[in-house]
Amino acid sequence: MSAADQGWGEDSPERLYVITRGRSSERDTFGLVTLIVSRSEPAPSMQPELAAILRICDSPLSVAEISAYLRLPVSVITVLLADLLAEGRIEARAAVPKALLPDRALLEAVISGLQKL
């Protein structure tokens, strides 16, 4: 009987449970657009998924991109990223915040001034 027949295929919930060691997602720490950059090389004894994250994040990648490249759910990726962050192996950067809009009263004053010209 093959591993796929036993329910241990690539997308099986049991496999994902093993990868995260039963822990749940760290969504408060990482958003989909949080940028991740490796700060170290993978260790030979490292879990394959953790090593893969370190290898692909030599340049900044978002959490969503990592999830897509590794074909793992975002919830699994965030658990793995939390482990790497705790070990100091990655750096997480928030995405650039949206620009703050100027005060409405200021815009109206500028428009009024321009209309008087």
C-alpha atoms as a PDB file:
ATOM      1  CA  MET A   1       0.000   0.000   0.000  1.00  0.00           C
ATOM      2  CA  SER A   2       1.486   3.367  -1.021  1.00  0.00           C
ATOM      3  CA  ALA A   3       1.755   6.460   1.187  1.00  0.00           C
ATOM      4  CA  ALA A   4      -0.918   8.176  -0.913  1.00  0.00           C
ATOM      5  CA  ASP A   5      -3.311   5.268  -0.306  1.00  0.00           C
ATOM      6  CA  GLN A   6      -2.774   5.637   3.446  1.00  0.00           C
ATOM      7  CA  GLY A   7      -3.785   9.306   3.441  1.00  0.00           C
ATOM      8  CA  TRP A   8      -0.262  10.755   3.569  1.00  0.00           C
ATOM      9  CA  GLY A   9      -0.335  12.447   0.191  1.00  0.00           C
ATOM     10  CA  GLU A  10       1.095  15.899  -0.479  1.00  0.00           C
ATOM     11  CA  ASP A  11      -2.130  17.694   0.476  1.00  0.00           C
ATOM     12  CA  SER A  12      -3.301  15.465   3.325  1.00  0.00           C
ATOM     13  CA  PRO A  13      -4.236  17.175   6.602  1.00  0.00           C
ATOM     14  CA  GLU A  14      -2.128  14.627   8.472  1.00  0.00           C
ATOM     15  CA  ARG A  15       1.005  15.676   6.586  1.00  0.00           C
ATOM     16  CA  LEU A  16       0.366  19.340   7.344  1.00  0.00           C
ATOM     17  CA  TYR A  17      -0.182  18.474  11.019  1.00  0.00           C
ATOM     18  CA  VAL A  18       3.199  16.743  11.093  1.00  0.00           C
ATOM     19  CA  ILE A  19       4.964  19.655   9.371  1.00  0.00           C
ATOM     20  CA  THR A  20       3.674  22.137  11.987  1.00  0.00           C
ATOM     21  CA  ARG A  21       3.955  19.645  14.865  1.00  0.00           C
ATOM     22  CA  GLY A  22       0.292  20.279  15.628  1.00  0.00           C
ATOM     23  CA  ARG A  23       0.650  24.017  16.156  1.00  0.00           C
ATOM     24  CA  SER A  24      -1.761  26.566  14.748  1.00  0.00           C
ATOM     25  CA  SER A  25      -1.106  29.542  12.533  1.00  0.00           C
ATOM     26  CA  GLU A  26       0.614  32.765  13.622  1.00  0.00           C
ATOM     27  CA  ARG A  27      -1.577  35.138  11.615  1.00  0.00           C
ATOM     28  CA  ASP A  28      -1.109  38.016  14.058  1.00  0.00           C
ATOM     29  CA  THR A  29       2.626  38.046  13.379  1.00  0.00           C
ATOM     30  CA  PHE A  30       2.618  37.714   9.599  1.00  0.00           C
ATOM     31  CA  GLY A  31       0.265  39.213   7.039  1.00  0.00           C
ATOM     32  CA  LEU A  32       0.027  37.973   3.469  1.00  0.00           C
ATOM     33  CA  VAL A  33       2.200  40.848   2.254  1.00  0.00           C
ATOM     34  CA  THR A  34       4.785  40.719   5.061  1.00  0.00           C
ATOM     35  CA  LEU A  35       8.190  40.488   3.412  1.00  0.00           C
ATOM     36  CA  ILE A  36      10.544  37.736   4.547  1.00  0.00           C
ATOM     37  CA  VAL A  37      14.334  37.713   4.033  1.00  0.00           C
ATOM     38  CA  SER A  38      16.763  34.954   5.068  1.00  0.00           C
ATOM     39  CA  ARG A  39      19.472  35.855   7.545  1.00  0.00           C
ATOM     40  CA  SER A  40      21.238  32.477   7.479  1.00  0.00           C
ATOM     41  CA  GLU A  41      21.801  29.367   5.410  1.00  0.00           C
ATOM     42  CA  PRO A  42      19.830  26.182   6.114  1.00  0.00           C
ATOM     43  CA  ALA A  43      21.397  23.678   8.501  1.00  0.00           C
ATOM     44  CA  PRO A  44      21.884  20.108   7.206  1.00  0.00           C
ATOM     45  CA  SER A  45      19.615  18.649   9.911  1.00  0.00           C
ATOM     46  CA  MET A  46      16.844  21.206   9.375  1.00  0.00           C
ATOM     47  CA  GLN A  47      13.268  20.246   8.510  1.00  0.00           C
ATOM     48  CA  PRO A  48      12.999  20.306   4.670  1.00  0.00           C
ATOM     49  CA  GLU A  49      10.251  22.948   4.597  1.00  0.00           C
ATOM     50  CA  LEU A  50      12.247  25.291   6.850  1.00  0.00           C
ATOM     51  CA  ALA A  51      15.342  24.820   4.688  1.00  0.00           C
ATOM     52  CA  ALA A  52      13.301  25.537   1.560  1.00  0.00           C
ATOM     53  CA  ILE A  53      12.051  28.815   3.040  1.00  0.00           C
ATOM     54  CA  LEU A  54      15.597  29.931   3.832  1.00  0.00           C
ATOM     55  CA  ARG A  55      16.781  29.028   0.332  1.00  0.00           C
ATOM     56  CA  ILE A  56      14.034  30.875  -1.566  1.00  0.00           C
ATOM     57  CA  CYS A  57      14.099  33.973   0.652  1.00  0.00           C
ATOM     58  CA  ASP A  58      17.601  35.144  -0.261  1.00  0.00           C
ATOM     59  CA  SER A  59      15.748  38.151  -1.706  1.00  0.00           C
ATOM     60  CA  PRO A  60      12.542  39.470  -0.104  1.00  0.00           C
ATOM     61  CA  LEU A  61       9.389  37.411  -0.701  1.00  0.00           C
ATOM     62  CA  SER A  62       5.921  37.909   0.707  1.00  0.00           C
ATOM     63  CA  VAL A  63       4.258  35.276   2.861  1.00  0.00           C
ATOM     64  CA  ALA A  64       1.762  34.679   0.042  1.00  0.00           C
ATOM     65  CA  GLU A  65       4.597  34.082  -2.458  1.00  0.00           C
ATOM     66  CA  ILE A  66       6.333  31.633  -0.126  1.00  0.00           C
ATOM     67  CA  SER A  67       3.059  29.767   0.284  1.00  0.00           C
ATOM     68  CA  ALA A  68       2.613  29.575  -3.485  1.00  0.00           C
ATOM     69  CA  TYR A  69       6.187  28.499  -4.231  1.00  0.00           C
ATOM     70  CA  LEU A  70       6.175  25.756  -1.592  1.00  0.00           C
ATOM     71  CA  ARG A  71       2.570  24.740  -2.318  1.00  0.00           C
ATOM     72  CA  LEU A  72       1.672  24.856   1.359  1.00  0.00           C
ATOM     73  CA  PRO A  73      -1.248  26.692   3.002  1.00  0.00           C
ATOM     74  CA  VAL A  74      -0.520  30.140   4.418  1.00  0.00           C
ATOM     75  CA  SER A  75      -1.449  28.847   7.884  1.00  0.00           C
ATOM     76  CA  VAL A  76       1.361  26.269   7.696  1.00  0.00           C
ATOM     77  CA  ILE A  77       3.843  28.810   6.328  1.00  0.00           C
ATOM     78  CA  THR A  78       3.142  31.253   9.172  1.00  0.00           C
ATOM     79  CA  VAL A  79       3.867  28.557  11.772  1.00  0.00           C
ATOM     80  CA  LEU A  80       7.162  27.730  10.070  1.00  0.00           C
ATOM     81  CA  LEU A  81       8.065  31.406   9.727  1.00  0.00           C
ATOM     82  CA  ALA A  82       7.409  31.936  13.442  1.00  0.00           C
ATOM     83  CA  ASP A  83       9.944  29.176  14.194  1.00  0.00           C
ATOM     84  CA  LEU A  84      12.540  30.735  11.892  1.00  0.00           C
ATOM     85  CA  LEU A  85      11.928  34.212  13.323  1.00  0.00           C
ATOM     86  CA  ALA A  86      12.330  32.929  16.900  1.00  0.00           C
ATOM     87  CA  GLU A  87      15.676  31.377  15.902  1.00  0.00           C
ATOM     88  CA  GLY A  88      16.810  34.624  14.232  1.00  0.00           C
ATOM     89  CA  ARG A  89      17.113  32.914  10.837  1.00  0.00           C
ATOM     90  CA  ILE A  90      14.782  35.307   9.003  1.00  0.00           C
ATOM     91  CA  GLU A  91      13.851  38.960   9.102  1.00  0.00           C
ATOM     92  CA  ALA A  92      10.222  39.996   8.669  1.00  0.00           C
ATOM     93  CA  ARG A  93       9.372  43.426   7.305  1.00  0.00           C
ATOM     94  CA  ALA A  94       5.915  44.904   7.144  1.00  0.00           C
ATOM     95  CA  ALA A  95       4.822  46.006   3.720  1.00  0.00           C
ATOM     96  CA  VAL A  96       5.002  49.702   2.949  1.00  0.00           C
ATOM     97  CA  PRO A  97       1.974  51.331   4.602  1.00  0.00           C
ATOM     98  CA  LYS A  98      -0.547  53.147   2.484  1.00  0.00           C
ATOM     99  CA  ALA A  99       0.135  56.843   2.190  1.00  0.00           C
ATOM    100  CA  LEU A 100      -1.851  58.963   4.574  1.00  0.00           C
ATOM    101  CA  LEU A 101      -4.301  61.246   2.852  1.00  0.00           C
ATOM    102  CA  PRO A 102      -3.980  64.941   3.594  1.00  0.00           C
ATOM    103  CA  ASP A 103      -6.574  66.642   5.736  1.00  0.00           C
ATOM    104  CA  ARG A 104      -9.794  67.423   3.849  1.00  0.00           C
ATOM    105  CA  ALA A 105      -9.856  71.001   5.155  1.00  0.00           C
ATOM    106  CA  LEU A 106      -6.358  71.579   3.779  1.00  0.00           C
ATOM    107  CA  LEU A 107      -7.385  70.301   0.342  1.00  0.00           C
ATOM    108  CA  GLU A 108     -10.457  72.520   0.326  1.00  0.00           C
ATOM    109  CA  ALA A 109      -8.328  75.543   1.283  1.00  0.00           C
ATOM    110  CA  VAL A 110      -5.895  74.799  -1.561  1.00  0.00           C
ATOM    111  CA  ILE A 111      -8.747  74.406  -4.065  1.00  0.00           C
ATOM    112  CA  SER A 112     -10.311  77.638  -2.863  1.00  0.00           C
ATOM    113  CA  GLY A 113      -6.980  79.443  -3.197  1.00  0.00           C
ATOM    114  CA  LEU A 114      -6.457  78.097  -6.706  1.00  0.00           C
ATOM    115  CA  GLN A 115      -9.956  79.161  -7.763  1.00  0.00           C
ATOM    116  CA  LYS A 116      -9.231  82.723  -6.640  1.00  0.00           C
ATOM    117  CA  LEU A 117      -6.223  82.964  -8.948  1.00  0.00           C
END
